[in-house]
Amino acid sequence: MPMPGSSSPMRTPLVVGNWKMNPTSMEAAIELAGGVRAGAEGLTDAIAVVCPPAIWLRAVADSLDGGPVKIGAQTMHAEEGGAFTGEISPLMLAGLAEYVIIGHSERRQLFGETDASVNRKLGAAMASGLVPIVCIGETLEERERNDTLTVLDRQIKNGLDGITGQQVGGLVIAYEPVWAIGTGRTATTTQAQEAHAHIRQRLRQWFGAAAAEECHVIYGGSVKPDNTHDLVGQPDVDGALVGGASLDIKSFFEIIQRARG
């Protein structure tokens, strides 16, 4: 079994496009999805996922049906149903999406999500057959205090509380330094590898060697074609969570190509 800091053939490169609150029309969403699908024809050595706004999920799912690109949701509620105006339950997503982003830094910062709510959503997503993409990462203030690894420990321990090693092996963890989200700043390859290696070490320590080797740990934070190869070339970086660049078909597929090595 490979040790921390060594590559593993078990983890196929994974690139996730988070469209956030874009595009603003169904026609544009279908056009973007169609371009992504056309570019991905024949893709076998990487996994490509797009996460459109919830209102466009059905249209995008129909556009991608039968193709190589998988679909994910940007968030979900932990409950299966109830009086939660404007929310989307995991049962609504089941059969429509394969993946779901949980605890994105924007959800934590702007909408009050916590490690505890991430943990509830994580359990609900897995119970409904969805693959969670669990986001963790430190703020600029926390990094400047040298608290990055402490923050990651807390988010892993609390966010994954009660999850088995087998379940951990089937999910995705996205390390996204909050100070790099949408700022144009990107973690250096050394910073990214340090954080990813630490995450994998904790997964091995708390959930077992198999979980640590099977779990995808991907990087998010101003990912662009020109920095993808160096970032994903690090031993413990298994792919990328892409924001703005995923809205440009050419850029998104350059990122996928460079993530493949």
Protein backbone atom coordinates (compact mmCIF):
# COMPACT_ATOMS: atom_id res chain seq x y z
CA MET A 1 0.00 0.00 0.00
CA PRO A 2 1.50 3.36 -1.00
CA MET A 3 2.49 5.64 1.85
CA PRO A 4 1.69 9.35 2.18
CA GLY A 5 3.42 11.37 -0.48
CA SER A 6 3.31 8.64 -3.14
CA SER A 7 0.92 8.50 -6.06
CA SER A 8 -1.79 5.86 -6.18
CA PRO A 9 -3.20 4.22 -9.33
CA MET A 10 -6.47 3.78 -7.43
CA ARG A 11 -7.35 7.47 -7.82
CA THR A 12 -8.30 8.61 -11.32
CA PRO A 13 -7.85 12.38 -11.77
CA LEU A 14 -11.11 14.16 -10.92
CA VAL A 15 -12.02 17.64 -12.20
CA VAL A 16 -15.22 19.27 -10.92
CA GLY A 17 -16.65 22.42 -12.47
CA ASN A 18 -18.65 24.51 -10.00
CA TRP A 19 -20.76 26.90 -12.09
CA LYS A 20 -21.99 28.72 -8.96
CA MET A 21 -24.84 31.16 -9.86
CA ASN A 22 -24.11 30.93 -13.60
CA PRO A 23 -25.28 30.97 -16.34
CA THR A 24 -28.46 32.98 -15.96
CA SER A 25 -30.57 31.31 -18.66
CA MET A 26 -31.51 27.72 -19.41
CA GLU A 27 -30.42 28.13 -23.02
CA ALA A 28 -26.93 29.19 -21.95
CA ALA A 29 -26.74 26.31 -19.47
CA ILE A 30 -27.68 23.79 -22.16
CA GLU A 31 -25.17 25.32 -24.58
CA LEU A 32 -22.40 25.14 -21.98
CA ALA A 33 -23.28 21.56 -21.08
CA GLY A 34 -23.32 20.60 -24.76
CA GLY A 35 -19.88 22.07 -25.28
CA VAL A 36 -18.53 20.26 -22.25
CA ARG A 37 -20.00 16.97 -23.44
CA ALA A 38 -18.59 17.36 -26.96
CA GLY A 39 -15.14 18.13 -25.62
CA ALA A 40 -15.22 15.13 -23.29
CA GLU A 41 -16.08 12.49 -25.87
CA GLY A 42 -13.68 9.59 -25.46
CA LEU A 43 -12.51 10.71 -22.01
CA THR A 44 -11.56 7.57 -20.09
CA ASP A 45 -8.55 8.43 -17.95
CA ALA A 46 -10.10 11.27 -15.96
CA ILE A 47 -13.47 11.99 -14.37
CA ALA A 48 -15.21 15.24 -15.33
CA VAL A 49 -18.14 16.59 -13.29
CA VAL A 50 -20.17 19.77 -13.74
CA CYS A 51 -22.30 21.33 -11.00
CA PRO A 52 -24.87 23.77 -12.43
CA PRO A 53 -27.39 25.83 -10.45
CA ALA A 54 -30.23 23.69 -9.12
CA ILE A 55 -32.76 25.26 -11.45
CA TRP A 56 -30.80 24.02 -14.47
CA LEU A 57 -30.02 20.53 -13.13
CA ARG A 58 -32.69 18.73 -15.17
CA ALA A 59 -31.84 20.53 -18.42
CA VAL A 60 -28.12 19.92 -17.96
CA ALA A 61 -28.68 16.30 -16.91
CA ASP A 62 -30.68 15.71 -20.10
CA SER A 63 -27.91 17.32 -22.18
CA LEU A 64 -25.27 15.11 -20.59
CA ASP A 65 -27.30 11.89 -20.53
CA GLY A 66 -25.36 8.98 -22.00
CA GLY A 67 -22.12 10.92 -22.22
CA PRO A 68 -18.90 10.77 -20.20
CA VAL A 69 -19.49 13.91 -18.11
CA LYS A 70 -21.11 13.43 -14.71
CA ILE A 71 -23.40 15.91 -12.97
CA GLY A 72 -23.37 17.25 -9.44
CA ALA A 73 -25.37 19.66 -7.31
CA GLN A 74 -23.88 22.66 -5.52
CA THR A 75 -25.55 22.05 -2.16
CA MET A 76 -28.48 20.28 -0.49
CA HIS A 77 -30.46 20.17 2.75
CA ALA A 78 -29.90 17.39 5.26
CA GLU A 79 -33.60 16.52 5.58
CA GLU A 80 -35.46 14.38 3.07
CA GLY A 81 -38.42 16.76 3.01
CA GLY A 82 -40.35 19.27 5.11
CA ALA A 83 -41.02 22.94 5.67
CA PHE A 84 -37.68 24.29 4.41
CA THR A 85 -38.59 26.96 1.88
CA GLY A 86 -36.21 27.14 -1.07
CA GLU A 87 -34.17 24.09 -0.08
CA ILE A 88 -33.44 20.91 -2.05
CA SER A 89 -33.45 17.50 -0.39
CA PRO A 90 -31.13 14.59 -1.15
CA LEU A 91 -34.12 12.57 -2.35
CA MET A 92 -34.84 15.26 -4.94
CA LEU A 93 -31.25 15.00 -6.18
CA ALA A 94 -31.07 11.19 -6.19
CA GLY A 95 -31.34 9.92 -9.75
CA LEU A 96 -30.68 13.40 -11.12
CA ALA A 97 -27.16 14.11 -9.84
CA GLU A 98 -24.31 11.76 -8.92
CA TYR A 99 -22.28 14.19 -6.84
CA VAL A 100 -23.08 17.00 -4.42
CA ILE A 101 -20.82 19.74 -3.05
CA ILE A 102 -21.09 20.08 0.73
CA GLY A 103 -19.68 22.88 2.87
CA HIS A 104 -18.21 25.06 0.14
CA SER A 105 -16.45 28.06 1.66
CA GLU A 106 -19.07 30.40 0.21
CA ARG A 107 -21.80 28.37 1.91
CA ARG A 108 -19.88 28.52 5.18
CA GLN A 109 -19.11 32.23 4.96
CA LEU A 110 -22.31 33.60 3.43
CA PHE A 111 -24.96 31.15 4.61
CA GLY A 112 -23.73 30.09 8.03
CA GLU A 113 -22.90 26.45 7.33
CA THR A 114 -20.82 24.78 10.03
CA ASP A 115 -18.90 21.56 10.52
CA ALA A 116 -21.99 20.18 12.27
CA SER A 117 -24.30 20.99 9.34
CA VAL A 118 -21.72 19.58 6.93
CA ASN A 119 -21.73 16.36 8.94
CA ARG A 120 -25.53 16.08 8.78
CA LYS A 121 -25.57 16.74 5.05
CA LEU A 122 -22.77 14.25 4.48
CA GLY A 123 -24.71 11.43 6.11
CA ALA A 124 -27.88 12.32 4.23
CA ALA A 125 -26.08 12.50 0.89
CA MET A 126 -24.50 9.07 1.28
CA ALA A 127 -27.80 7.57 2.44
CA SER A 128 -29.34 8.77 -0.83
CA GLY A 129 -26.55 7.35 -2.98
CA LEU A 130 -24.86 10.68 -3.76
CA VAL A 131 -21.08 11.13 -3.77
CA PRO A 132 -20.27 14.04 -1.44
CA ILE A 133 -17.57 16.55 -2.30
CA VAL A 134 -16.74 17.86 1.17
CA CYS A 135 -14.97 21.23 1.16
CA ILE A 136 -12.52 22.22 3.86
CA GLY A 137 -9.93 24.97 4.14
CA GLU A 138 -8.58 27.88 6.13
CA THR A 139 -9.08 31.64 5.90
CA LEU A 140 -6.21 34.04 5.28
CA GLU A 141 -6.23 35.05 8.95
CA GLU A 142 -5.98 31.41 10.03
CA ARG A 143 -3.09 30.75 7.64
CA GLU A 144 -1.23 33.82 8.82
CA ARG A 145 -1.59 32.55 12.41
CA ASN A 146 -0.11 29.20 11.26
CA ASP A 147 -3.40 27.51 12.16
CA THR A 148 -3.98 25.83 8.79
CA LEU A 149 -3.39 22.25 9.92
CA THR A 150 -5.37 22.77 13.14
CA VAL A 151 -8.32 24.07 11.13
CA LEU A 152 -8.14 21.13 8.73
CA ASP A 153 -8.04 18.69 11.66
CA ARG A 154 -11.15 20.24 13.17
CA GLN A 155 -13.05 20.26 9.90
CA ILE A 156 -12.16 16.65 9.13
CA LYS A 157 -12.85 15.35 12.63
CA ASN A 158 -16.16 17.18 13.06
CA GLY A 159 -17.35 17.08 9.47
CA LEU A 160 -16.69 13.35 9.07
CA ASP A 161 -17.79 12.35 12.56
CA GLY A 162 -19.53 8.97 12.60
CA ILE A 163 -18.49 8.11 9.03
CA THR A 164 -16.90 4.70 8.45
CA GLY A 165 -13.60 4.10 6.71
CA GLN A 166 -15.41 2.41 3.84
CA GLN A 167 -17.63 5.47 3.40
CA VAL A 168 -14.66 7.82 3.51
CA GLY A 169 -13.04 5.88 0.69
CA GLY A 170 -16.02 6.67 -1.52
CA LEU A 171 -16.19 10.41 -1.01
CA VAL A 172 -14.24 13.42 -2.24
CA ILE A 173 -12.52 16.00 -0.06
CA ALA A 174 -11.81 19.37 -1.66
CA TYR A 175 -9.10 21.43 -0.01
CA GLU A 176 -9.94 25.03 -0.83
CA PRO A 177 -7.93 27.69 0.97
CA VAL A 178 -10.57 30.39 1.45
CA TRP A 179 -8.06 33.12 0.66
CA ALA A 180 -7.66 31.70 -2.84
CA ILE A 181 -11.35 31.44 -3.79
CA GLY A 182 -12.10 33.89 -6.59
CA THR A 183 -9.16 36.10 -5.66
CA GLY A 184 -6.74 35.09 -8.37
CA ARG A 185 -4.35 33.95 -5.64
CA THR A 186 -3.43 30.29 -5.71
CA ALA A 187 -1.67 28.16 -3.14
CA THR A 188 1.87 27.32 -4.14
CA THR A 189 2.53 23.71 -5.04
CA THR A 190 4.34 23.34 -1.71
CA GLN A 191 1.38 24.75 0.23
CA ALA A 192 -1.08 22.57 -1.67
CA GLN A 193 0.93 19.38 -1.23
CA GLU A 194 1.51 20.08 2.46
CA ALA A 195 -2.22 20.47 3.10
CA HIS A 196 -3.20 17.47 0.94
CA ALA A 197 -0.58 15.21 2.50
CA HIS A 198 -1.77 16.26 5.96
CA ILE A 199 -5.37 15.50 5.04
CA ARG A 200 -4.43 12.07 3.74
CA GLN A 201 -2.33 11.38 6.83
CA ARG A 202 -5.32 12.18 9.04
CA LEU A 203 -7.59 9.97 6.92
CA ARG A 204 -5.12 7.13 7.34
CA GLN A 205 -4.83 7.75 11.07
CA TRP A 206 -8.56 8.10 11.77
CA PHE A 207 -10.19 5.95 9.08
CA GLY A 208 -7.58 3.44 7.93
CA ALA A 209 -5.11 2.93 5.10
CA ALA A 210 -7.69 1.83 2.53
CA ALA A 211 -9.82 4.92 3.12
CA ALA A 212 -6.81 7.20 2.75
CA GLU A 213 -5.75 5.59 -0.53
CA GLU A 214 -9.24 5.47 -2.08
CA CYS A 215 -10.49 8.94 -1.11
CA HIS A 216 -9.99 11.63 -3.73
CA VAL A 217 -8.47 14.80 -2.26
CA ILE A 218 -8.71 17.61 -4.81
CA TYR A 219 -7.60 21.25 -4.81
CA GLY A 220 -9.86 24.28 -5.26
CA GLY A 221 -8.88 27.93 -5.37
CA SER A 222 -8.39 29.99 -8.54
CA VAL A 223 -7.55 26.90 -10.62
CA LYS A 224 -6.62 27.82 -14.20
CA PRO A 225 -5.05 25.98 -17.13
CA ASP A 226 -1.62 27.45 -16.45
CA ASN A 227 -1.40 26.22 -12.85
CA THR A 228 -3.22 22.89 -13.11
CA HIS A 229 -0.32 20.69 -14.17
CA ASP A 230 1.92 21.77 -11.32
CA LEU A 231 -0.85 21.52 -8.71
CA VAL A 232 -2.27 18.15 -9.77
CA GLY A 233 1.26 16.88 -10.35
CA GLN A 234 1.76 16.84 -6.59
CA PRO A 235 1.63 13.30 -5.13
CA ASP A 236 -1.44 13.85 -2.94
CA VAL A 237 -3.45 16.17 -5.22
CA ASP A 238 -5.97 14.08 -7.13
CA GLY A 239 -7.68 16.75 -9.21
CA ALA A 240 -9.32 20.14 -9.05
CA LEU A 241 -12.50 21.94 -8.01
CA VAL A 242 -12.78 24.66 -10.65
CA GLY A 243 -14.84 27.84 -10.37
CA GLY A 244 -14.79 30.58 -12.99
CA ALA A 245 -12.63 28.67 -15.47
CA SER A 246 -15.31 25.95 -15.69
CA LEU A 247 -17.62 28.45 -17.44
CA ASP A 248 -15.24 28.60 -20.39
CA ILE A 249 -15.28 25.35 -22.33
CA LYS A 250 -11.75 25.74 -23.70
CA SER A 251 -10.27 26.57 -20.29
CA PHE A 252 -12.16 23.77 -18.55
CA PHE A 253 -10.86 21.16 -20.97
CA GLU A 254 -7.34 22.48 -20.83
CA ILE A 255 -7.58 21.96 -17.07
CA ILE A 256 -8.85 18.41 -17.57
CA GLN A 257 -6.07 17.63 -20.06
CA ARG A 258 -3.38 18.99 -17.74
CA ALA A 259 -4.85 17.15 -14.75
CA ARG A 260 -4.37 13.90 -16.66
CA GLY A 261 -0.62 14.53 -16.63
